[in-house]
Amino acid sequence: MNNLTIERAKVLKVMDVRVISDKFKVKEIVLEIDGKFPQPVIFQLINEKIDEIDVKEGDILKDVQFNLRGREWKKKEGEVRYLNSLNIWSASVDVSSPKNEDMKTTLDEPSEDLPF
């Protein structure tokens, strides 16, 4: 799928690694994308990327490169669902920024300029 890039994002939450099989493990992280109306978005690190991209809550990431993946899943009852995943394959921690002061989360201060 297409390679997409986010310039800056703050790590809001880092989940534990889930081992799916001997050859497949996943670590989910929630990023707040920098922008006028930041929103929390969940991304995945898969297999060797878990060790290559070491992130902690509060880190500021830059140049987050990821793939958008989609698939169809059919329940036993016949219902079809469509699932998406955002798989990070490259990112770097911005060591020049103070972790908690550079970007405020949407929960820090209510905004008067809401998008709806």
C-alpha atoms as a PDB file:
ATOM      1  CA  MET A   1       0.000   0.000   0.000  1.00  0.00           C
ATOM      2  CA  ASN A   2       1.010   3.625  -0.175  1.00  0.00           C
ATOM      3  CA  ASN A   3       3.758   4.911   2.056  1.00  0.00           C
ATOM      4  CA  LEU A   4       2.442   7.818   4.125  1.00  0.00           C
ATOM      5  CA  THR A   5       4.302  10.239   6.409  1.00  0.00           C
ATOM      6  CA  ILE A   6       3.436  12.230   9.526  1.00  0.00           C
ATOM      7  CA  GLU A   7       5.850  15.065  10.316  1.00  0.00           C
ATOM      8  CA  ARG A   8       5.333  15.186  14.101  1.00  0.00           C
ATOM      9  CA  ALA A   9       3.307  13.277  16.655  1.00  0.00           C
ATOM     10  CA  LYS A  10       3.258  12.759  20.398  1.00  0.00           C
ATOM     11  CA  VAL A  11       3.179   9.259  21.879  1.00  0.00           C
ATOM     12  CA  LEU A  12       0.138   9.149  24.180  1.00  0.00           C
ATOM     13  CA  LYS A  13       0.085   5.453  25.050  1.00  0.00           C
ATOM     14  CA  VAL A  14       2.249   2.375  24.470  1.00  0.00           C
ATOM     15  CA  MET A  15       0.590  -1.033  24.788  1.00  0.00           C
ATOM     16  CA  ASP A  16       2.304  -4.293  25.727  1.00  0.00           C
ATOM     17  CA  VAL A  17       3.659  -6.520  22.974  1.00  0.00           C
ATOM     18  CA  ARG A  18       1.198  -9.218  21.875  1.00  0.00           C
ATOM     19  CA  VAL A  19       2.735 -12.419  20.564  1.00  0.00           C
ATOM     20  CA  ILE A  20       0.376 -13.814  17.909  1.00  0.00           C
ATOM     21  CA  SER A  21       2.637 -16.677  16.772  1.00  0.00           C
ATOM     22  CA  ASP A  22       6.323 -17.681  16.726  1.00  0.00           C
ATOM     23  CA  LYS A  23       6.846 -15.417  13.713  1.00  0.00           C
ATOM     24  CA  PHE A  24       4.427 -12.569  14.408  1.00  0.00           C
ATOM     25  CA  LYS A  25       4.231 -10.059  17.253  1.00  0.00           C
ATOM     26  CA  VAL A  26       2.520  -6.659  17.487  1.00  0.00           C
ATOM     27  CA  LYS A  27       2.920  -3.574  19.678  1.00  0.00           C
ATOM     28  CA  GLU A  28       0.244  -0.885  19.435  1.00  0.00           C
ATOM     29  CA  ILE A  29       0.940   2.778  20.150  1.00  0.00           C
ATOM     30  CA  VAL A  30      -1.445   5.731  20.248  1.00  0.00           C
ATOM     31  CA  LEU A  31      -0.143   8.892  18.599  1.00  0.00           C
ATOM     32  CA  GLU A  32      -1.552  12.378  18.761  1.00  0.00           C
ATOM     33  CA  ILE A  33      -0.979  13.946  15.363  1.00  0.00           C
ATOM     34  CA  ASP A  34       0.246  17.550  15.414  1.00  0.00           C
ATOM     35  CA  GLY A  35      -2.316  19.919  13.912  1.00  0.00           C
ATOM     36  CA  LYS A  36      -5.161  22.337  14.541  1.00  0.00           C
ATOM     37  CA  PHE A  37      -7.463  19.561  15.777  1.00  0.00           C
ATOM     38  CA  PRO A  38      -5.165  16.794  17.049  1.00  0.00           C
ATOM     39  CA  GLN A  39      -6.747  13.383  17.496  1.00  0.00           C
ATOM     40  CA  PRO A  40      -5.494  10.132  19.002  1.00  0.00           C
ATOM     41  CA  VAL A  41      -4.792   7.502  16.328  1.00  0.00           C
ATOM     42  CA  ILE A  42      -3.647   3.936  16.965  1.00  0.00           C
ATOM     43  CA  PHE A  43      -0.663   2.554  15.014  1.00  0.00           C
ATOM     44  CA  GLN A  44       1.179  -0.767  15.048  1.00  0.00           C
ATOM     45  CA  LEU A  45       4.800  -1.811  15.220  1.00  0.00           C
ATOM     46  CA  ILE A  46       5.298  -5.313  13.862  1.00  0.00           C
ATOM     47  CA  ASN A  47       8.047  -7.890  14.517  1.00  0.00           C
ATOM     48  CA  GLU A  48      11.571  -6.368  14.252  1.00  0.00           C
ATOM     49  CA  LYS A  49      10.166  -2.790  14.188  1.00  0.00           C
ATOM     50  CA  ILE A  50       9.219  -3.227  17.860  1.00  0.00           C
ATOM     51  CA  ASP A  51      12.922  -3.270  18.804  1.00  0.00           C
ATOM     52  CA  GLU A  52      14.102  -0.868  16.076  1.00  0.00           C
ATOM     53  CA  ILE A  53      11.656   1.916  17.016  1.00  0.00           C
ATOM     54  CA  ASP A  54      11.828   2.182  20.801  1.00  0.00           C
ATOM     55  CA  VAL A  55       9.167   4.650  21.967  1.00  0.00           C
ATOM     56  CA  LYS A  56       7.896   5.694  25.368  1.00  0.00           C
ATOM     57  CA  GLU A  57       4.826   7.608  26.457  1.00  0.00           C
ATOM     58  CA  GLY A  58       5.471  11.335  26.110  1.00  0.00           C
ATOM     59  CA  ASP A  59       8.052  10.978  23.309  1.00  0.00           C
ATOM     60  CA  ILE A  60       7.746  13.272  20.297  1.00  0.00           C
ATOM     61  CA  LEU A  61       8.190  11.385  17.042  1.00  0.00           C
ATOM     62  CA  LYS A  62       9.176  12.952  13.749  1.00  0.00           C
ATOM     63  CA  ASP A  63       9.037  11.650  10.192  1.00  0.00           C
ATOM     64  CA  VAL A  64       6.728   8.769  11.044  1.00  0.00           C
ATOM     65  CA  GLN A  65       6.461   6.664   7.906  1.00  0.00           C
ATOM     66  CA  PHE A  66       3.692   4.084   7.762  1.00  0.00           C
ATOM     67  CA  ASN A  67       1.590   1.931   5.474  1.00  0.00           C
ATOM     68  CA  LEU A  68      -2.193   1.825   5.421  1.00  0.00           C
ATOM     69  CA  ARG A  69      -3.333  -1.797   5.178  1.00  0.00           C
ATOM     70  CA  GLY A  70      -6.853  -3.120   4.761  1.00  0.00           C
ATOM     71  CA  ARG A  71      -8.483  -6.514   4.670  1.00  0.00           C
ATOM     72  CA  GLU A  72     -11.841  -8.221   4.575  1.00  0.00           C
ATOM     73  CA  TRP A  73     -12.926 -10.474   7.441  1.00  0.00           C
ATOM     74  CA  LYS A  74     -15.946 -12.727   7.252  1.00  0.00           C
ATOM     75  CA  LYS A  75     -17.678 -13.838  10.458  1.00  0.00           C
ATOM     76  CA  LYS A  76     -18.968 -17.383  10.831  1.00  0.00           C
ATOM     77  CA  GLU A  77     -22.503 -16.009  10.529  1.00  0.00           C
ATOM     78  CA  GLY A  78     -21.624 -14.641   7.084  1.00  0.00           C
ATOM     79  CA  GLU A  79     -21.317 -10.957   8.030  1.00  0.00           C
ATOM     80  CA  VAL A  80     -18.424  -9.242   6.251  1.00  0.00           C
ATOM     81  CA  ARG A  81     -16.311  -6.645   8.092  1.00  0.00           C
ATOM     82  CA  TYR A  82     -13.499  -4.490   6.749  1.00  0.00           C
ATOM     83  CA  LEU A  83     -10.468  -3.803   8.938  1.00  0.00           C
ATOM     84  CA  ASN A  84      -7.650  -1.274   8.618  1.00  0.00           C
ATOM     85  CA  SER A  85      -4.235  -1.079  10.218  1.00  0.00           C
ATOM     86  CA  LEU A  86      -1.538   1.593  10.217  1.00  0.00           C
ATOM     87  CA  ASN A  87       1.856  -0.108  10.299  1.00  0.00           C
ATOM     88  CA  ILE A  88       4.836   2.092  11.185  1.00  0.00           C
ATOM     89  CA  TRP A  89       8.033   1.089   9.420  1.00  0.00           C
ATOM     90  CA  SER A  90      10.196   4.132  10.191  1.00  0.00           C
ATOM     91  CA  ALA A  91      10.218   6.914  12.809  1.00  0.00           C
ATOM     92  CA  SER A  92      12.672   8.825  14.942  1.00  0.00           C
ATOM     93  CA  VAL A  93      12.348  10.262  18.433  1.00  0.00           C
ATOM     94  CA  ASP A  94      12.859  14.029  18.494  1.00  0.00           C
ATOM     95  CA  VAL A  95      15.467  14.386  21.242  1.00  0.00           C
ATOM     96  CA  SER A  96      15.613  18.176  20.824  1.00  0.00           C
ATOM     97  CA  SER A  97      12.081  18.713  22.202  1.00  0.00           C
ATOM     98  CA  PRO A  98      11.044  18.583  25.832  1.00  0.00           C
ATOM     99  CA  LYS A  99       8.700  15.606  26.042  1.00  0.00           C
ATOM    100  CA  ASN A 100       5.686  16.963  27.852  1.00  0.00           C
ATOM    101  CA  GLU A 101       5.825  20.658  27.069  1.00  0.00           C
ATOM    102  CA  ASP A 102       6.343  20.758  23.295  1.00  0.00           C
ATOM    103  CA  MET A 103       2.924  19.467  22.267  1.00  0.00           C
ATOM    104  CA  LYS A 104      -0.160  19.586  24.463  1.00  0.00           C
ATOM    105  CA  THR A 105      -2.653  16.760  24.298  1.00  0.00           C
ATOM    106  CA  THR A 106      -6.286  17.426  23.517  1.00  0.00           C
ATOM    107  CA  LEU A 107      -7.115  16.481  27.111  1.00  0.00           C
ATOM    108  CA  ASP A 108      -4.862  19.169  28.625  1.00  0.00           C
ATOM    109  CA  GLU A 109      -7.039  22.149  27.774  1.00  0.00           C
ATOM    110  CA  PRO A 110     -10.534  22.286  26.313  1.00  0.00           C
ATOM    111  CA  SER A 111     -10.682  24.095  23.004  1.00  0.00           C
ATOM    112  CA  GLU A 112     -13.224  26.761  22.113  1.00  0.00           C
ATOM    113  CA  ASP A 113     -12.635  26.101  18.396  1.00  0.00           C
ATOM    114  CA  LEU A 114     -14.038  22.573  17.988  1.00  0.00           C
ATOM    115  CA  PRO A 115     -14.296  20.973  14.533  1.00  0.00           C
ATOM    116  CA  PHE A 116     -18.032  20.165  14.857  1.00  0.00           C
END
